Protein backbone atom coordinates (compact mmCIF):
# COMPACT_ATOMS: atom_id res chain seq x y z
CA MET A 1 0.00 0.00 0.00
CA LEU A 2 1.91 3.04 -1.26
CA ARG A 3 -0.78 5.68 -1.68
CA PHE A 4 -1.54 7.86 1.33
CA TYR A 5 -4.03 10.69 1.71
CA ALA A 6 -2.97 12.75 4.75
CA ILE A 7 -5.31 14.96 6.75
CA VAL A 8 -3.48 17.49 8.89
CA ASN A 9 -5.06 19.43 11.73
CA PRO A 10 -2.94 22.61 11.72
CA THR A 11 -3.99 23.53 15.27
CA ALA A 12 -3.13 20.14 16.82
CA GLY A 13 -0.30 20.28 19.32
CA ARG A 14 -0.11 24.04 18.80
CA GLY A 15 1.09 23.58 15.25
CA ALA A 16 3.02 20.33 15.78
CA ALA A 17 0.96 18.49 13.15
CA ARG A 18 1.82 21.01 10.44
CA ARG A 19 5.51 20.86 11.43
CA ALA A 20 5.46 17.05 11.43
CA TRP A 21 4.05 16.81 7.91
CA SER A 22 7.34 17.57 6.12
CA THR A 23 9.01 14.70 7.99
CA VAL A 24 6.15 12.30 7.28
CA ARG A 25 6.05 13.24 3.60
CA ALA A 26 9.81 12.75 3.24
CA VAL A 27 9.68 9.27 4.76
CA LEU A 28 6.75 8.18 2.59
CA GLU A 29 8.11 9.62 -0.65
CA GLU A 30 11.52 8.07 -0.01
CA ALA A 31 9.71 4.71 0.11
CA GLY A 32 8.18 5.45 -3.30
CA ALA A 33 4.71 6.33 -2.03
CA GLU A 34 2.22 8.67 -3.64
CA VAL A 35 1.02 11.20 -1.09
CA GLU A 36 -1.51 13.99 -1.01
CA MET A 37 -2.26 16.30 1.92
CA ARG A 38 -5.14 18.52 2.98
CA GLU A 39 -5.40 20.68 6.08
CA THR A 40 -8.60 20.97 8.07
CA VAL A 41 -10.29 24.32 8.54
CA GLY A 42 -12.60 23.55 11.45
CA ARG A 43 -14.48 20.99 13.48
CA GLY A 44 -15.99 18.24 11.36
CA HIS A 45 -13.90 19.00 8.28
CA ALA A 46 -11.68 15.91 8.71
CA VAL A 47 -14.80 13.71 8.52
CA GLU A 48 -15.69 15.24 5.15
CA LEU A 49 -12.13 15.00 3.82
CA ALA A 50 -11.75 11.36 4.85
CA GLU A 51 -15.09 10.36 3.39
CA ALA A 52 -14.23 12.08 0.11
CA ALA A 53 -10.79 10.44 0.03
CA VAL A 54 -12.35 6.98 0.33
CA ALA A 55 -14.81 7.81 -2.45
CA LEU A 56 -11.86 8.78 -4.66
CA GLY A 57 -10.22 5.41 -4.06
CA TRP A 58 -7.40 6.29 -1.66
CA PRO A 59 -6.48 3.02 0.12
CA ALA A 60 -5.11 4.74 3.24
CA VAL A 61 -6.12 7.92 5.02
CA VAL A 62 -3.67 9.26 7.60
CA ALA A 63 -4.63 11.49 10.53
CA LEU A 64 -1.95 13.95 11.68
CA GLY A 65 -3.30 15.36 14.92
CA GLY A 66 -4.66 14.31 18.28
CA ASP A 67 -7.51 12.09 19.39
CA GLY A 68 -10.10 14.45 17.94
CA THR A 69 -8.52 14.28 14.49
CA VAL A 70 -8.29 10.48 14.71
CA HIS A 71 -11.94 10.38 15.75
CA GLU A 72 -13.04 12.45 12.75
CA VAL A 73 -10.90 10.63 10.19
CA ALA A 74 -12.09 7.24 11.46
CA ASN A 75 -15.69 8.45 11.21
CA GLY A 76 -15.14 9.59 7.63
CA ILE A 77 -13.62 6.26 6.62
CA LEU A 78 -16.34 4.23 8.33
CA ARG A 79 -19.15 6.44 7.06
CA ALA A 80 -17.89 5.95 3.51
CA SER A 81 -17.72 2.21 4.15
CA ASP A 82 -21.25 1.79 5.56
CA GLY A 83 -23.20 -0.82 3.64
CA ARG A 84 -20.14 -2.24 1.91
CA GLY A 85 -19.51 -4.99 4.46
CA GLU A 86 -15.80 -4.10 4.38
CA THR A 87 -13.88 -1.04 5.51
CA ALA A 88 -12.88 0.61 2.26
CA ALA A 89 -9.66 2.26 3.46
CA ALA A 90 -7.14 1.83 6.26
CA LEU A 91 -6.55 4.44 8.97
CA GLY A 92 -3.04 5.71 9.60
CA VAL A 93 -2.14 7.81 12.65
CA VAL A 94 0.72 10.21 13.28
CA PRO A 95 -0.01 11.31 16.86
CA VAL A 96 0.85 14.97 17.43
CA GLY A 97 -1.99 16.16 19.67
CA SER A 98 -2.19 16.98 23.34
CA GLY A 99 -3.51 13.63 24.56
CA ASN A 100 -2.93 10.92 21.94
CA ASP A 101 -4.75 8.28 23.97
CA PHE A 102 -5.66 6.07 21.02
CA ALA A 103 -2.13 6.12 19.60
CA LEU A 104 -0.70 5.08 22.97
CA LEU A 105 -3.17 2.21 23.25
CA ALA A 106 -2.34 1.13 19.70
CA GLY A 107 1.38 1.19 20.43
CA LEU A 108 2.16 3.94 17.91
CA SER A 109 5.19 6.20 18.22
CA ARG A 110 4.89 9.93 18.89
CA ASP A 111 8.04 10.51 16.83
CA PRO A 112 6.81 11.62 13.38
CA ALA A 113 9.54 9.77 11.46
CA LEU A 114 8.95 6.51 13.35
CA ALA A 115 5.18 6.91 13.04
CA ALA A 116 5.56 7.44 9.27
CA ARG A 117 7.66 4.29 8.92
CA ARG A 118 4.97 2.35 10.77
CA LEU A 119 2.51 3.40 8.07
CA LEU A 120 4.55 1.31 5.64
CA GLY A 121 4.49 -1.80 7.81
CA GLY A 122 1.16 -3.42 7.03
CA GLU A 123 -2.16 -3.28 8.83
CA ARG A 124 -4.19 -4.94 11.58
CA ARG A 125 -7.79 -5.04 12.67
CA VAL A 126 -9.02 -3.13 15.72
CA ASP A 127 -12.45 -2.65 17.24
CA VAL A 128 -14.52 0.51 17.16
CA GLY A 129 -17.66 1.41 19.03
CA ARG A 130 -20.82 3.04 17.80
CA VAL A 131 -23.11 5.45 19.61
CA GLY A 132 -26.11 6.29 17.46
CA GLU A 133 -24.74 7.21 14.04
CA ARG A 134 -21.28 8.12 15.38
CA TRP A 135 -18.25 5.85 15.63
CA PHE A 136 -15.62 6.07 18.36
CA THR A 137 -12.13 4.61 18.57
CA ASN A 138 -11.50 5.00 22.29
CA GLY A 139 -14.59 5.65 24.38
CA VAL A 140 -17.81 7.42 25.27
CA GLY A 141 -18.21 9.37 28.48
CA VAL A 142 -21.34 10.47 30.34
CA GLY A 143 -21.36 12.39 33.61
CA ILE A 144 -18.59 14.43 35.14
CA ASP A 145 -15.98 13.48 32.53
CA ALA A 146 -18.29 14.66 29.75
CA ARG A 147 -18.90 17.95 31.56
CA VAL A 148 -15.14 18.30 31.91
CA ALA A 149 -14.74 17.58 28.19
CA VAL A 150 -17.27 20.33 27.38
CA GLU A 151 -15.25 22.85 29.37
CA ALA A 152 -11.92 21.59 28.03
CA ASN A 153 -13.12 22.05 24.45
CA ARG A 154 -13.98 25.66 25.24
CA ASN A 155 -10.50 26.53 26.49
CA ARG A 156 -7.25 25.81 24.67
CA ARG A 157 -4.88 27.83 26.85
CA PHE A 158 -3.39 24.67 28.33
CA ARG A 159 -2.13 21.37 26.92
CA GLY A 160 -2.48 17.72 27.89
CA MET A 161 -3.78 16.87 31.31
CA ALA A 162 -3.56 20.53 32.42
CA ILE A 163 -6.61 21.25 30.23
CA TYR A 164 -8.65 18.59 32.02
CA LEU A 165 -7.53 19.58 35.51
CA TRP A 166 -8.49 23.19 34.82
CA ALA A 167 -11.86 22.09 33.44
CA LEU A 168 -12.45 19.73 36.39
CA ALA A 169 -11.90 22.56 38.87
CA LYS A 170 -14.53 24.62 37.06
CA VAL A 171 -17.05 21.76 36.79
CA LEU A 172 -16.77 20.77 40.47
CA ARG A 173 -18.19 24.11 41.59
CA SER A 174 -21.69 23.10 40.52
CA PHE A 175 -21.64 19.36 39.74
CA ARG A 176 -24.44 17.20 41.15
CA PRO A 177 -24.53 13.49 40.14
CA PRO A 178 -27.60 12.93 37.91
CA VAL A 179 -29.77 9.82 38.13
CA ILE A 180 -28.72 7.60 35.22
CA ARG A 181 -30.05 4.20 34.18
CA VAL A 182 -27.48 1.84 32.62
CA GLU A 183 -28.70 -1.38 30.99
CA MET A 184 -26.09 -3.93 29.91
CA ASP A 185 -25.87 -7.16 27.89
CA GLU A 186 -27.25 -9.76 30.23
CA GLY A 187 -30.07 -7.64 31.55
CA GLU A 188 -28.14 -6.10 34.46
CA VAL A 189 -29.41 -2.63 35.34
CA ILE A 190 -27.85 0.09 37.48
CA ASP A 191 -30.24 2.98 38.14
CA ARG A 192 -29.19 5.66 40.65
CA PRO A 193 -27.20 8.90 40.96
CA LEU A 194 -23.89 8.38 39.17
CA THR A 195 -20.74 10.46 38.98
CA LEU A 196 -19.74 8.99 35.65
CA VAL A 197 -20.37 6.26 33.12
CA THR A 198 -17.50 5.58 30.73
CA VAL A 199 -17.85 3.02 27.95
CA GLY A 200 -14.34 2.19 26.82
CA ASN A 201 -13.00 0.52 23.73
CA GLY A 202 -9.60 1.61 25.01
CA GLY A 203 -8.33 2.07 28.55
CA ARG A 204 -6.97 5.64 28.75
CA HIS A 205 -9.07 8.76 28.34
CA GLY A 206 -8.63 12.51 28.67
CA GLY A 207 -4.90 12.52 28.05
CA GLY A 208 -3.94 10.41 31.06
CA PHE A 209 -6.91 9.01 33.00
CA TRP A 210 -6.95 5.19 33.06
CA ILE A 211 -10.71 4.95 33.55
CA CYS A 212 -11.04 1.48 31.97
CA PRO A 213 -7.51 0.12 32.55
CA GLY A 214 -8.32 -3.41 31.40
CA ALA A 215 -9.84 -2.41 28.05
CA LYS A 216 -8.19 -3.54 24.83
CA ILE A 217 -8.88 -2.16 21.37
CA ASP A 218 -8.95 -5.61 19.77
CA ASP A 219 -10.82 -7.90 22.19
CA GLY A 220 -14.31 -7.49 20.71
CA LEU A 221 -15.73 -6.07 23.95
CA LEU A 222 -16.50 -2.76 25.64
CA ASP A 223 -15.33 -2.08 29.19
CA VAL A 224 -17.80 -0.08 31.25
CA CYS A 225 -16.79 1.94 34.31
CA ILE A 226 -19.70 3.11 36.47
CA CYS A 227 -19.03 5.26 39.52
CA ASP A 228 -21.71 5.90 42.13
CA GLY A 229 -22.67 9.44 43.00
CA LEU A 230 -19.88 11.09 45.01
CA SER A 231 -19.56 14.35 46.90
CA ARG A 232 -17.00 16.90 45.76
CA PRO A 233 -14.45 15.93 48.44
CA ARG A 234 -14.80 12.26 47.49
CA ILE A 235 -14.39 13.09 43.80
CA LEU A 236 -11.12 14.87 44.59
CA HIS A 237 -9.99 11.85 46.61
CA PHE A 238 -11.05 9.55 43.78
CA LEU A 239 -9.34 11.41 40.93
CA PRO A 240 -5.68 10.44 41.63
CA LYS A 241 -6.72 6.79 41.66
CA VAL A 242 -8.27 7.17 38.21
CA VAL A 243 -5.03 8.67 36.88
CA ARG A 244 -3.21 5.53 38.04
CA GLY A 245 -6.04 3.11 37.24
CA THR A 246 -6.17 1.95 40.86
CA HIS A 247 -9.82 2.90 41.35
CA VAL A 248 -10.87 -0.55 40.15
CA GLY A 249 -12.09 -2.53 43.13
CA ALA A 250 -13.35 0.46 45.11
CA ARG A 251 -16.87 -0.02 46.52
CA CYS A 252 -18.23 2.90 44.52
CA VAL A 253 -16.87 1.55 41.20
CA HIS A 254 -18.58 -1.08 39.06
CA MET A 255 -16.60 -2.50 36.12
CA ARG A 256 -18.30 -4.59 33.47
CA ARG A 257 -17.30 -6.08 30.10
CA VAL A 258 -20.12 -6.09 27.56
CA ARG A 259 -21.10 -5.77 23.90
CA ARG A 260 -24.01 -3.37 24.24
CA VAL A 261 -25.03 -0.63 26.64
CA ARG A 262 -28.17 1.49 26.86
CA ILE A 263 -28.03 4.69 28.92
CA THR A 264 -31.09 6.78 29.79
CA SER A 265 -31.83 9.66 32.13
CA ASP A 266 -34.55 12.19 32.83
CA SER A 267 -31.77 14.79 33.14
CA PRO A 268 -30.08 16.21 30.03
CA LEU A 269 -26.66 14.57 29.80
CA PRO A 270 -23.51 15.87 28.13
CA VAL A 271 -21.84 13.12 26.08
CA HIS A 272 -18.40 12.94 24.54
CA ALA A 273 -16.82 10.40 22.21
CA ASP A 274 -13.01 10.36 22.12
CA GLY A 275 -13.12 13.77 23.82
CA GLU A 276 -15.32 15.28 21.08
CA ILE A 277 -18.67 16.61 22.32
CA LEU A 278 -21.59 14.78 20.71
CA PHE A 279 -24.44 16.14 22.83
CA GLU A 280 -24.97 18.46 25.77
CA ASP A 281 -28.56 17.34 26.44
CA ALA A 282 -28.88 13.63 25.59
CA ARG A 283 -31.49 11.51 27.39
CA GLU A 284 -31.02 8.17 25.64
CA LEU A 285 -27.95 6.46 24.16
CA GLU A 286 -27.46 3.09 22.47
CA ILE A 287 -23.82 1.98 22.39
CA GLU A 288 -22.34 -1.16 20.85
CA ILE A 289 -19.02 -2.65 19.79
CA ALA A 290 -18.07 -3.43 16.19
CA PRO A 291 -15.29 -6.05 16.50
CA GLY A 292 -12.45 -5.72 14.01
CA ARG A 293 -14.34 -3.09 12.00
CA LEU A 294 -11.40 -0.70 11.52
CA ARG A 295 -8.23 -1.40 9.54
CA LEU A 296 -5.28 0.30 11.28
CA LEU A 297 -1.88 0.79 9.68
CA GLY A 298 1.16 -0.20 11.72
């Protein structure tokens, strides 16, 4: 596979994606590859570019950016592939964003030259999840982490985990755990005030929080982390454990491994997928895993 359509988010990593492109292009062209590049101009543009690239017959579409860029490019590829029974193009990733959770979980290098060489090394199958009509590579969050994601997306003064810690401090001033009903595969139901519900294809979220530490992107299952309603002091006590992934086993935490999840609430819920805000007022979500649906380079 020596034809690559690259989608560059020029704002990712405060310009790191644009700077990385010359290195990536040099590596690919030295290997005899045909390459074409387009930069995004706003939210949602990478979805459109990726979908168009697949329609034009590009066999590989490469995301140069962070988790949000990967999320959009994957959605474009999979949207273009709907109804075909086979993913029409492979996803390549050169991780140059602030979090790069998916790239870490996939074992991809953050060095642009090494990441570019990995694009030349074949492909593998990984799982993706679906929430409504949207795909996700890493996870869906409902509750406090989604509220934090909303705030983090409104402020780009910081990078990496600093964004999320700043947003958390703001959210905690007014957060009250909503009553959420979670229905899972075998009929199990949890229905009470909850601090968060995270449905993970991968284990790390938000640039460094190991919310679903046992999740794997190729096991055909979703890991669900449900945390009971906590007071603000208890949330602050809980947070460092989530960073380390040592919250598993706490009495307030319920971990499950499933294929489908249904989430409902009478309260309007913010929802993020891979850190990208899908809704700020959802009341019903259907989430499922699509095993091996995505072809990933490297």
